[in-house]
Amino acid sequence: MFSRITVPALITTLAVVPIVSSCSVNKTPLSTEQQIYIGNWVAKDGTFVKIYLDGGGDFKTSNSSVTGGATTFTDKTLTIGLGPIKKEFQITQPPQEKNGVVTMQLDGITYTYQQ
């Protein structure tokens, strides 16, 4: 009925499909109030947060990163995640402009808006 090659391929497929489907991302477009966070934000140590209008987001810190994740906001937090990998940032200071430079603070770290 099944060849010796087909059975391992079938088992591998059945094992991989749940993992891949668990990583699917449900993005919700940002509200008007959240749109001030859209863009590429970079800290002096090279870590970055990138937030998209469609609710997507990327981040890179010293020990983890996500590309193509979903972004969610609460009053005091910003979370970017993809499947089981996520990072919750405390919004220490929302974006603000001073002397032509736009910055925000997440977890006490200053991020500067990059064009």
N, C-alpha and C. Protein backbone atom coordinates (compact mmCIF):
# COMPACT_ATOMS: atom_id res chain seq x y z
N MET A 1 0.82 -1.19 0.00
CA MET A 1 0.00 0.00 0.00
C MET A 1 0.87 1.26 0.00
N PHE A 2 1.76 1.43 0.98
CA PHE A 2 2.68 2.57 1.02
C PHE A 2 4.10 2.05 0.82
N SER A 3 4.89 2.78 0.06
CA SER A 3 6.28 2.39 -0.11
C SER A 3 7.07 2.80 1.12
N ARG A 4 8.28 2.31 1.23
CA ARG A 4 9.12 2.63 2.39
C ARG A 4 9.45 4.13 2.45
N ILE A 5 9.51 4.79 1.32
CA ILE A 5 9.82 6.23 1.29
C ILE A 5 8.59 7.05 1.64
N THR A 6 7.42 6.61 1.27
CA THR A 6 6.20 7.36 1.49
C THR A 6 5.85 7.46 2.97
N VAL A 7 6.05 6.41 3.73
CA VAL A 7 5.68 6.41 5.15
C VAL A 7 6.47 7.45 5.94
N PRO A 8 7.81 7.51 5.84
CA PRO A 8 8.53 8.56 6.56
C PRO A 8 8.13 9.97 6.10
N ALA A 9 7.89 10.13 4.82
CA ALA A 9 7.47 11.44 4.31
C ALA A 9 6.13 11.84 4.90
N LEU A 10 5.21 10.88 5.00
CA LEU A 10 3.90 11.14 5.59
C LEU A 10 4.02 11.50 7.07
N ILE A 11 4.84 10.78 7.79
CA ILE A 11 5.04 11.06 9.22
C ILE A 11 5.66 12.43 9.42
N THR A 12 6.65 12.77 8.60
CA THR A 12 7.28 14.08 8.69
C THR A 12 6.28 15.20 8.40
N THR A 13 5.48 15.02 7.38
CA THR A 13 4.47 16.02 7.04
C THR A 13 3.48 16.21 8.17
N LEU A 14 3.01 15.11 8.76
CA LEU A 14 2.05 15.20 9.86
C LEU A 14 2.67 15.85 11.09
N ALA A 15 3.97 15.72 11.26
CA ALA A 15 4.64 16.35 12.40
C ALA A 15 4.88 17.83 12.18
N VAL A 16 5.17 18.23 10.94
CA VAL A 16 5.53 19.61 10.64
C VAL A 16 4.31 20.51 10.50
N VAL A 17 3.22 20.04 9.96
CA VAL A 17 2.04 20.87 9.71
C VAL A 17 1.54 21.56 10.98
N PRO A 18 1.38 20.88 12.12
CA PRO A 18 0.93 21.61 13.32
C PRO A 18 1.91 22.69 13.78
N ILE A 19 3.20 22.46 13.61
CA ILE A 19 4.18 23.45 14.02
C ILE A 19 4.08 24.69 13.15
N VAL A 20 4.01 24.50 11.85
CA VAL A 20 3.92 25.63 10.93
C VAL A 20 2.62 26.39 11.14
N SER A 21 1.52 25.68 11.31
CA SER A 21 0.24 26.38 11.48
C SER A 21 0.17 27.11 12.81
N SER A 22 0.89 26.66 13.83
CA SER A 22 0.89 27.37 15.10
C SER A 22 1.63 28.69 15.01
N CYS A 23 2.45 28.87 13.99
CA CYS A 23 3.21 30.10 13.81
C CYS A 23 2.48 31.12 12.95
N SER A 24 1.27 30.80 12.52
CA SER A 24 0.54 31.77 11.71
C SER A 24 0.25 33.00 12.57
N VAL A 25 0.19 34.13 11.92
CA VAL A 25 0.08 35.39 12.64
C VAL A 25 -1.23 36.07 12.28
N ASN A 26 -1.98 36.46 13.30
CA ASN A 26 -3.20 37.24 13.11
C ASN A 26 -2.88 38.69 13.42
N LYS A 27 -2.68 39.47 12.38
CA LYS A 27 -2.33 40.87 12.56
C LYS A 27 -3.59 41.72 12.51
N THR A 28 -3.65 42.71 13.39
CA THR A 28 -4.75 43.67 13.41
C THR A 28 -4.17 45.03 13.09
N PRO A 29 -4.69 45.69 12.05
CA PRO A 29 -4.16 47.02 11.71
C PRO A 29 -4.18 47.96 12.92
N LEU A 30 -3.20 48.85 12.97
CA LEU A 30 -3.09 49.76 14.11
C LEU A 30 -4.21 50.79 14.08
N SER A 31 -4.65 51.16 15.27
CA SER A 31 -5.66 52.22 15.39
C SER A 31 -4.98 53.57 15.12
N THR A 32 -5.79 54.59 14.98
CA THR A 32 -5.26 55.94 14.74
C THR A 32 -4.31 56.35 15.86
N GLU A 33 -4.66 56.05 17.10
CA GLU A 33 -3.81 56.42 18.25
C GLU A 33 -2.49 55.66 18.24
N GLN A 34 -2.49 54.43 17.75
CA GLN A 34 -1.28 53.60 17.75
C GLN A 34 -0.35 53.93 16.59
N GLN A 35 -0.83 54.64 15.59
CA GLN A 35 -0.04 54.89 14.39
C GLN A 35 1.19 55.76 14.64
N ILE A 36 1.28 56.42 15.78
CA ILE A 36 2.49 57.19 16.10
C ILE A 36 3.69 56.27 16.31
N TYR A 37 3.43 54.96 16.51
CA TYR A 37 4.50 53.99 16.73
C TYR A 37 5.04 53.39 15.43
N ILE A 38 4.38 53.65 14.29
CA ILE A 38 4.80 53.06 13.02
C ILE A 38 6.20 53.54 12.66
N GLY A 39 7.03 52.61 12.23
CA GLY A 39 8.36 52.98 11.75
C GLY A 39 9.45 52.10 12.31
N ASN A 40 10.67 52.48 11.99
CA ASN A 40 11.87 51.77 12.42
C ASN A 40 12.50 52.55 13.56
N TRP A 41 12.59 51.92 14.72
CA TRP A 41 13.13 52.54 15.93
C TRP A 41 14.40 51.82 16.33
N VAL A 42 15.49 52.56 16.51
CA VAL A 42 16.79 51.97 16.79
C VAL A 42 17.38 52.55 18.07
N ALA A 43 17.92 51.66 18.92
CA ALA A 43 18.59 52.09 20.15
C ALA A 43 20.09 52.19 19.89
N LYS A 44 20.80 52.86 20.79
CA LYS A 44 22.24 53.06 20.62
C LYS A 44 23.02 51.75 20.59
N ASP A 45 22.49 50.72 21.26
CA ASP A 45 23.20 49.43 21.28
C ASP A 45 22.89 48.56 20.06
N GLY A 46 22.12 49.09 19.11
CA GLY A 46 21.83 48.36 17.87
C GLY A 46 20.54 47.57 17.89
N THR A 47 19.91 47.45 19.05
CA THR A 47 18.62 46.77 19.07
C THR A 47 17.61 47.63 18.32
N PHE A 48 16.60 46.97 17.76
CA PHE A 48 15.61 47.74 17.02
C PHE A 48 14.21 47.15 17.15
N VAL A 49 13.24 48.00 16.90
CA VAL A 49 11.83 47.63 16.85
C VAL A 49 11.28 48.27 15.58
N LYS A 50 10.58 47.47 14.78
CA LYS A 50 9.96 47.98 13.56
C LYS A 50 8.48 47.64 13.61
N ILE A 51 7.64 48.67 13.44
CA ILE A 51 6.19 48.49 13.54
C ILE A 51 5.55 48.95 12.24
N TYR A 52 4.63 48.11 11.74
CA TYR A 52 3.97 48.37 10.46
C TYR A 52 2.50 48.73 10.66
N LEU A 53 1.94 49.48 9.71
CA LEU A 53 0.54 49.89 9.76
C LEU A 53 -0.41 48.71 9.83
N ASP A 54 -0.07 47.60 9.19
CA ASP A 54 -0.96 46.44 9.16
C ASP A 54 -0.98 45.65 10.47
N GLY A 55 -0.22 46.12 11.48
CA GLY A 55 -0.17 45.42 12.76
C GLY A 55 0.98 44.45 12.86
N GLY A 56 1.81 44.40 11.84
CA GLY A 56 2.99 43.55 11.88
C GLY A 56 4.12 44.23 12.61
N GLY A 57 5.11 43.44 12.99
CA GLY A 57 6.25 44.01 13.67
C GLY A 57 7.45 43.10 13.68
N ASP A 58 8.61 43.69 13.81
CA ASP A 58 9.89 42.98 13.92
C ASP A 58 10.62 43.57 15.13
N PHE A 59 11.48 42.76 15.73
CA PHE A 59 12.38 43.30 16.74
C PHE A 59 13.63 42.46 16.79
N LYS A 60 14.70 43.08 17.28
CA LYS A 60 15.94 42.36 17.52
C LYS A 60 16.56 42.92 18.78
N THR A 61 16.77 42.06 19.75
CA THR A 61 17.47 42.42 20.97
C THR A 61 18.73 41.57 21.05
N SER A 62 19.46 41.68 22.14
CA SER A 62 20.72 40.94 22.25
C SER A 62 20.52 39.43 22.28
N ASN A 63 19.33 38.96 22.72
CA ASN A 63 19.16 37.52 22.83
C ASN A 63 17.96 36.94 22.08
N SER A 64 17.22 37.74 21.35
CA SER A 64 16.10 37.18 20.57
C SER A 64 15.70 38.14 19.46
N SER A 65 14.99 37.59 18.50
CA SER A 65 14.48 38.41 17.41
C SER A 65 13.26 37.76 16.79
N VAL A 66 12.42 38.59 16.20
CA VAL A 66 11.24 38.15 15.48
C VAL A 66 11.13 39.00 14.23
N THR A 67 10.85 38.36 13.11
CA THR A 67 10.58 39.05 11.86
C THR A 67 9.21 38.58 11.37
N GLY A 68 8.34 39.52 11.06
CA GLY A 68 7.01 39.17 10.55
C GLY A 68 6.02 38.81 11.63
N GLY A 69 6.23 39.29 12.83
CA GLY A 69 5.33 38.99 13.94
C GLY A 69 4.12 39.91 13.96
N ALA A 70 3.28 39.68 14.96
CA ALA A 70 2.11 40.53 15.18
C ALA A 70 2.40 41.48 16.33
N THR A 71 1.90 42.70 16.20
CA THR A 71 2.10 43.73 17.22
C THR A 71 0.79 43.96 17.95
N THR A 72 0.85 43.94 19.28
CA THR A 72 -0.33 44.27 20.08
C THR A 72 0.05 45.31 21.12
N PHE A 73 -0.89 46.18 21.42
CA PHE A 73 -0.68 47.26 22.39
C PHE A 73 -1.68 47.15 23.53
N THR A 74 -1.23 47.55 24.71
CA THR A 74 -2.12 47.90 25.81
C THR A 74 -1.75 49.33 26.17
N ASP A 75 -2.34 49.87 27.21
CA ASP A 75 -2.00 51.24 27.61
C ASP A 75 -0.52 51.41 27.94
N LYS A 76 0.10 50.36 28.48
CA LYS A 76 1.47 50.49 28.97
C LYS A 76 2.46 49.53 28.35
N THR A 77 2.00 48.65 27.43
CA THR A 77 2.91 47.67 26.84
C THR A 77 2.76 47.59 25.33
N LEU A 78 3.83 47.13 24.72
CA LEU A 78 3.89 46.82 23.30
C LEU A 78 4.45 45.42 23.21
N THR A 79 3.74 44.51 22.54
CA THR A 79 4.20 43.14 22.40
C THR A 79 4.33 42.81 20.92
N ILE A 80 5.45 42.22 20.55
CA ILE A 80 5.66 41.73 19.20
C ILE A 80 5.95 40.24 19.33
N GLY A 81 5.18 39.42 18.59
CA GLY A 81 5.39 38.00 18.70
C GLY A 81 5.04 37.23 17.45
N LEU A 82 5.62 36.05 17.37
CA LEU A 82 5.37 35.12 16.28
C LEU A 82 5.34 33.74 16.90
N GLY A 83 4.15 33.15 16.96
CA GLY A 83 4.03 31.85 17.61
C GLY A 83 4.45 31.96 19.07
N PRO A 84 5.29 31.03 19.52
CA PRO A 84 5.69 31.05 20.93
C PRO A 84 6.77 32.07 21.26
N ILE A 85 7.36 32.69 20.24
CA ILE A 85 8.43 33.67 20.48
C ILE A 85 7.82 35.06 20.50
N LYS A 86 7.96 35.74 21.64
CA LYS A 86 7.43 37.10 21.72
C LYS A 86 8.21 37.90 22.74
N LYS A 87 8.08 39.19 22.63
CA LYS A 87 8.74 40.11 23.57
C LYS A 87 7.73 41.18 23.96
N GLU A 88 7.56 41.35 25.25
CA GLU A 88 6.69 42.41 25.75
C GLU A 88 7.57 43.54 26.25
N PHE A 89 7.36 44.72 25.69
CA PHE A 89 8.10 45.92 26.09
C PHE A 89 7.19 46.79 26.94
N GLN A 90 7.71 47.34 28.01
CA GLN A 90 7.00 48.35 28.78
C GLN A 90 7.20 49.68 28.09
N ILE A 91 6.11 50.39 27.82
CA ILE A 91 6.22 51.70 27.18
C ILE A 91 6.54 52.72 28.27
N THR A 92 7.83 53.03 28.43
CA THR A 92 8.28 53.98 29.43
C THR A 92 7.91 55.40 29.02
N GLN A 93 8.07 55.68 27.73
CA GLN A 93 7.73 57.00 27.18
C GLN A 93 7.23 56.81 25.76
N PRO A 94 6.02 57.25 25.45
CA PRO A 94 5.54 57.14 24.07
C PRO A 94 6.35 58.06 23.15
N PRO A 95 6.22 57.87 21.83
CA PRO A 95 6.98 58.70 20.90
C PRO A 95 6.73 60.19 21.12
N GLN A 96 7.82 60.94 21.08
CA GLN A 96 7.73 62.40 21.18
C GLN A 96 8.86 63.03 20.39
N GLU A 97 8.62 64.22 19.89
CA GLU A 97 9.60 64.94 19.08
C GLU A 97 10.22 66.06 19.91
N LYS A 98 11.55 66.13 19.85
CA LYS A 98 12.26 67.19 20.55
C LYS A 98 13.44 67.60 19.69
N ASN A 99 13.50 68.88 19.32
CA ASN A 99 14.57 69.41 18.48
C ASN A 99 14.71 68.64 17.16
N GLY A 100 13.58 68.25 16.59
CA GLY A 100 13.58 67.55 15.30
C GLY A 100 13.91 66.07 15.36
N VAL A 101 14.11 65.53 16.56
CA VAL A 101 14.41 64.11 16.73
C VAL A 101 13.25 63.45 17.46
N VAL A 102 12.75 62.33 16.88
CA VAL A 102 11.63 61.63 17.50
C VAL A 102 12.18 60.41 18.24
N THR A 103 11.84 60.32 19.52
CA THR A 103 12.29 59.20 20.34
C THR A 103 11.13 58.62 21.12
N MET A 104 11.34 57.40 21.59
CA MET A 104 10.43 56.77 22.55
C MET A 104 11.29 55.89 23.44
N GLN A 105 10.74 55.52 24.59
CA GLN A 105 11.45 54.64 25.49
C GLN A 105 10.63 53.38 25.73
N LEU A 106 11.30 52.24 25.54
CA LEU A 106 10.72 50.94 25.84
C LEU A 106 11.63 50.26 26.84
N ASP A 107 11.08 49.79 27.94
CA ASP A 107 11.87 49.16 29.01
C ASP A 107 13.00 50.08 29.48
N GLY A 108 12.76 51.39 29.43
CA GLY A 108 13.76 52.36 29.88
C GLY A 108 14.87 52.63 28.87
N ILE A 109 14.82 52.00 27.70
CA ILE A 109 15.83 52.19 26.67
C ILE A 109 15.28 53.16 25.63
N THR A 110 16.08 54.16 25.26
CA THR A 110 15.64 55.15 24.28
C THR A 110 15.85 54.62 22.86
N TYR A 111 14.77 54.67 22.08
CA TYR A 111 14.78 54.30 20.66
C TYR A 111 14.54 55.54 19.84
N THR A 112 15.33 55.73 18.78
CA THR A 112 15.21 56.88 17.91
C THR A 112 14.59 56.46 16.60
N TYR A 113 13.64 57.26 16.12
CA TYR A 113 12.98 56.98 14.85
C TYR A 113 13.97 57.16 13.70
N GLN A 114 14.06 56.16 12.83
CA GLN A 114 14.95 56.20 11.66
C GLN A 114 14.10 56.20 10.41
N GLN A 115 14.40 57.09 9.48
CA GLN A 115 13.65 57.16 8.22
C GLN A 115 13.99 55.99 7.33
